C-alpha atoms as a PDB file:
ATOM      1  CA  UNK A   1      79.816 116.299 133.676  1.00  0.00           C
ATOM      2  CA  UNK A   2      78.767 114.720 130.357  1.00  0.00           C
ATOM      3  CA  UNK A   3      80.157 115.664 126.972  1.00  0.00           C
ATOM      4  CA  UNK A   4      78.034 117.131 124.190  1.00  0.00           C
ATOM      5  CA  UNK A   5      77.273 114.145 121.886  1.00  0.00           C
ATOM      6  CA  UNK A   6      76.849 116.455 118.876  1.00  0.00           C
ATOM      7  CA  UNK A   7      80.564 117.324 118.854  1.00  0.00           C
ATOM      8  CA  UNK A   8      82.539 115.315 116.286  1.00  0.00           C
ATOM      9  CA  UNK A   9      85.625 113.501 117.384  1.00  0.00           C
ATOM     10  CA  UNK A  10      88.784 112.812 115.369  1.00  0.00           C
ATOM     11  CA  UNK A  11      89.805 109.488 113.885  1.00  0.00           C
ATOM     12  CA  UNK A  12      92.926 107.648 115.031  1.00  0.00           C
ATOM     13  CA  UNK A  13      94.198 104.301 113.715  1.00  0.00           C
ATOM     14  CA  UNK A  14      96.279 102.121 116.029  1.00  0.00           C
ATOM     15  CA  UNK A  15      97.833  98.971 114.560  1.00  0.00           C
ATOM     16  CA  UNK A  16      97.995  96.351 117.305  1.00  0.00           C
ATOM     17  CA  UNK A  17      99.142  93.458 115.131  1.00  0.00           C
ATOM     18  CA  UNK A  18     102.186  91.684 116.500  1.00  0.00           C
ATOM     19  CA  UNK A  19     101.703  92.977 120.035  1.00  0.00           C
ATOM     20  CA  UNK A  20     101.150  90.730 122.993  1.00  0.00           C
ATOM     21  CA  UNK A  21      97.536  90.778 124.091  1.00  0.00           C
ATOM     22  CA  UNK A  22      96.737  91.878 127.599  1.00  0.00           C
ATOM     23  CA  UNK A  23      94.616  89.452 129.603  1.00  0.00           C
ATOM     24  CA  UNK A  24      90.953  90.462 129.663  1.00  0.00           C
ATOM     25  CA  UNK A  25      90.032  92.631 132.605  1.00  0.00           C
ATOM     26  CA  UNK A  26      87.591  91.360 135.149  1.00  0.00           C
ATOM     27  CA  UNK A  27      84.219  92.991 134.793  1.00  0.00           C
ATOM     28  CA  UNK A  28      80.966  92.399 136.589  1.00  0.00           C
ATOM     29  CA  UNK A  29      78.642  89.865 134.943  1.00  0.00           C
ATOM     30  CA  UNK A  30      76.442  91.498 132.328  1.00  0.00           C
ATOM     31  CA  UNK A  31      78.696  94.569 132.241  1.00  0.00           C
ATOM     32  CA  UNK A  32      79.128  96.316 128.940  1.00  0.00           C
ATOM     33  CA  UNK A  33      80.709  99.418 127.499  1.00  0.00           C
ATOM     34  CA  UNK A  34      77.437 101.270 127.972  1.00  0.00           C
ATOM     35  CA  UNK A  35      77.618 100.533 131.709  1.00  0.00           C
ATOM     36  CA  UNK A  36      81.080 102.076 132.067  1.00  0.00           C
ATOM     37  CA  UNK A  37      81.274 105.606 133.428  1.00  0.00           C
ATOM     38  CA  UNK A  38      81.577 108.197 130.662  1.00  0.00           C
ATOM     39  CA  UNK A  39      84.927 109.687 131.584  1.00  0.00           C
ATOM     40  CA  UNK A  40      86.742 106.561 132.736  1.00  0.00           C
ATOM     41  CA  UNK A  41      86.396 103.349 130.766  1.00  0.00           C
ATOM     42  CA  UNK A  42      87.776 100.248 132.413  1.00  0.00           C
ATOM     43  CA  UNK A  43      91.326  99.257 131.490  1.00  0.00           C
ATOM     44  CA  UNK A  44      91.296  96.628 128.763  1.00  0.00           C
ATOM     45  CA  UNK A  45      87.680  97.347 127.840  1.00  0.00           C
ATOM     46  CA  UNK A  46      86.893  98.042 124.190  1.00  0.00           C
ATOM     47  CA  UNK A  47      87.488 101.725 123.503  1.00  0.00           C
ATOM     48  CA  UNK A  48      89.776 102.184 126.496  1.00  0.00           C
ATOM     49  CA  UNK A  49      93.338 103.188 125.813  1.00  0.00           C
ATOM     50  CA  UNK A  50      96.206 100.790 126.525  1.00  0.00           C
ATOM     51  CA  UNK A  51      98.742 102.097 128.995  1.00  0.00           C
ATOM     52  CA  UNK A  52     100.591 105.099 127.586  1.00  0.00           C
ATOM     53  CA  UNK A  53      98.235 105.622 124.614  1.00  0.00           C
ATOM     54  CA  UNK A  54      95.330 107.983 123.984  1.00  0.00           C
ATOM     55  CA  UNK A  55      91.789 106.705 124.181  1.00  0.00           C
ATOM     56  CA  UNK A  56      90.326 106.118 120.738  1.00  0.00           C
ATOM     57  CA  UNK A  57      87.254 108.106 119.754  1.00  0.00           C
ATOM     58  CA  UNK A  58      83.988 106.286 119.134  1.00  0.00           C
ATOM     59  CA  UNK A  59      83.715 105.237 115.491  1.00  0.00           C
ATOM     60  CA  UNK A  60      81.218 107.083 113.345  1.00  0.00           C
ATOM     61  CA  UNK A  61      79.961 106.964 109.759  1.00  0.00           C
ATOM     62  CA  UNK A  62      82.249 109.776 108.593  1.00  0.00           C
ATOM     63  CA  UNK A  63      85.295 107.905 109.917  1.00  0.00           C
ATOM     64  CA  UNK A  64      84.270 104.815 107.975  1.00  0.00           C
ATOM     65  CA  UNK A  65      83.882 106.832 104.771  1.00  0.00           C
ATOM     66  CA  UNK A  66      87.218 108.569 105.226  1.00  0.00           C
ATOM     67  CA  UNK A  67      88.934 105.238 105.859  1.00  0.00           C
ATOM     68  CA  UNK A  68      87.437 103.689 102.722  1.00  0.00           C
ATOM     69  CA  UNK A  69      88.318 106.797 100.721  1.00  0.00           C
ATOM     70  CA  UNK A  70      91.921 106.665 101.886  1.00  0.00           C
ATOM     71  CA  UNK A  71      92.084 102.983 100.990  1.00  0.00           C
ATOM     72  CA  UNK A  72      90.843 103.705  97.459  1.00  0.00           C
ATOM     73  CA  UNK A  73      93.382 106.531  97.058  1.00  0.00           C
ATOM     74  CA  UNK A  74      96.146 104.200  98.260  1.00  0.00           C
ATOM     75  CA  UNK A  75      95.178 101.609  95.631  1.00  0.00           C
ATOM     76  CA  UNK A  76      95.174 104.340  93.000  1.00  0.00           C
ATOM     77  CA  UNK A  77      98.775 105.089  93.996  1.00  0.00           C
ATOM     78  CA  UNK A  78      97.906 108.614  95.130  1.00  0.00           C
ATOM     79  CA  UNK A  79      98.683 108.453  98.858  1.00  0.00           C
ATOM     80  CA  UNK A  80     101.356 106.868 101.008  1.00  0.00           C
ATOM     81  CA  UNK A  81     101.038 104.124 103.584  1.00  0.00           C
ATOM     82  CA  UNK A  82     100.958 105.879 106.976  1.00  0.00           C
ATOM     83  CA  UNK A  83     103.470 103.498 108.569  1.00  0.00           C
ATOM     84  CA  UNK A  84     106.009 102.941 105.786  1.00  0.00           C
ATOM     85  CA  UNK A  85     105.612 106.320 104.092  1.00  0.00           C
ATOM     86  CA  UNK A  86     105.735 104.551 100.704  1.00  0.00           C
ATOM     87  CA  UNK A  87     103.129 105.279  98.078  1.00  0.00           C
ATOM     88  CA  UNK A  88     100.796 102.449  97.176  1.00  0.00           C
ATOM     89  CA  UNK A  89     101.259 100.710  93.860  1.00  0.00           C
ATOM     90  CA  UNK A  90      98.463 101.361  91.399  1.00  0.00           C
ATOM     91  CA  UNK A  91      95.938  98.515  91.587  1.00  0.00           C
ATOM     92  CA  UNK A  92      92.823  99.575  89.713  1.00  0.00           C
ATOM     93  CA  UNK A  93      90.889  96.399  90.582  1.00  0.00           C
ATOM     94  CA  UNK A  94      91.259  96.992  94.342  1.00  0.00           C
ATOM     95  CA  UNK A  95      90.520 100.693  93.930  1.00  0.00           C
ATOM     96  CA  UNK A  96      87.343  99.888  91.954  1.00  0.00           C
ATOM     97  CA  UNK A  97      86.257  97.355  94.598  1.00  0.00           C
ATOM     98  CA  UNK A  98      86.677  99.932  97.355  1.00  0.00           C
ATOM     99  CA  UNK A  99      84.755 102.549  95.382  1.00  0.00           C
ATOM    100  CA  UNK A 100      82.022  99.943  94.808  1.00  0.00           C
ATOM    101  CA  UNK A 101      81.834  99.445  98.584  1.00  0.00           C
ATOM    102  CA  UNK A 102      81.284 103.166  99.078  1.00  0.00           C
ATOM    103  CA  UNK A 103      78.601 103.100  96.358  1.00  0.00           C
ATOM    104  CA  UNK A 104      76.899 100.189  98.141  1.00  0.00           C
ATOM    105  CA  UNK A 105      76.919 102.181 101.387  1.00  0.00           C
ATOM    106  CA  UNK A 106      75.313 105.085  99.549  1.00  0.00           C
ATOM    107  CA  UNK A 107      72.494 102.847  98.297  1.00  0.00           C
ATOM    108  CA  UNK A 108      71.935 101.031 101.598  1.00  0.00           C
ATOM    109  CA  UNK A 109      71.949 104.171 103.743  1.00  0.00           C
ATOM    110  CA  UNK A 110      69.909 106.419 101.427  1.00  0.00           C
ATOM    111  CA  UNK A 111      67.368 108.367 103.495  1.00  0.00           C
ATOM    112  CA  UNK A 112      69.009 107.437 106.812  1.00  0.00           C
ATOM    113  CA  UNK A 113      71.906 109.899 106.904  1.00  0.00           C
ATOM    114  CA  UNK A 114      72.277 113.350 108.369  1.00  0.00           C
ATOM    115  CA  UNK A 115      72.653 116.096 105.750  1.00  0.00           C
ATOM    116  CA  UNK A 116      76.371 116.337 106.592  1.00  0.00           C
ATOM    117  CA  UNK A 117      76.902 112.572 106.189  1.00  0.00           C
ATOM    118  CA  UNK A 118      74.990 112.532 102.895  1.00  0.00           C
ATOM    119  CA  UNK A 119      77.058 115.449 101.570  1.00  0.00           C
ATOM    120  CA  UNK A 120      80.330 113.803 102.638  1.00  0.00           C
ATOM    121  CA  UNK A 121      79.304 110.553 100.937  1.00  0.00           C
ATOM    122  CA  UNK A 122      78.257 112.318  97.723  1.00  0.00           C
ATOM    123  CA  UNK A 123      81.456 114.386  97.537  1.00  0.00           C
ATOM    124  CA  UNK A 124      83.677 111.418  98.378  1.00  0.00           C
ATOM    125  CA  UNK A 125      82.107 109.268  95.659  1.00  0.00           C
ATOM    126  CA  UNK A 126      82.440 112.042  93.085  1.00  0.00           C
ATOM    127  CA  UNK A 127      86.098 112.621  93.979  1.00  0.00           C
ATOM    128  CA  UNK A 128      86.973 108.905  93.976  1.00  0.00           C
ATOM    129  CA  UNK A 129      85.249 108.323  90.629  1.00  0.00           C
ATOM    130  CA  UNK A 130      87.071 111.253  89.004  1.00  0.00           C
ATOM    131  CA  UNK A 131      90.431 110.144  90.378  1.00  0.00           C
ATOM    132  CA  UNK A 132      89.766 106.567  89.237  1.00  0.00           C
ATOM    133  CA  UNK A 133      89.012 107.720  85.673  1.00  0.00           C
ATOM    134  CA  UNK A 134      92.144 109.880  85.662  1.00  0.00           C
ATOM    135  CA  UNK A 135      94.317 107.011  86.966  1.00  0.00           C
ATOM    136  CA  UNK A 136      92.855 104.533  84.486  1.00  0.00           C
ATOM    137  CA  UNK A 137      94.008 106.653  81.500  1.00  0.00           C
END
């Protein structure tokens, strides 16, 4: 039974730095993620969950925007690092660079987004700009 592709999935970040890599799984020549059955991706394949962990959702545009927004807020000193729990130190240059990246995405994707994606992008940019101005005071 296939899933409804219109349903949004959550966003989970898994930091794999410092872990031992598993050897690549054997797959048939020419095999790709698209060839894998929908409900059961091969172990070790991109998008499949390592043993004992949940499978990551497929990335989408909203997840990218939320990630960039969180990064900008971290550099403005407004949110904490998820792993350490410590708030980021204010670094206006890095915050401005991240906001500029979101602005670039707005320009490059104009006319190619769903109404929901366009609204999210517009609201995110507005919020980040206002918070940047407030932090720069």
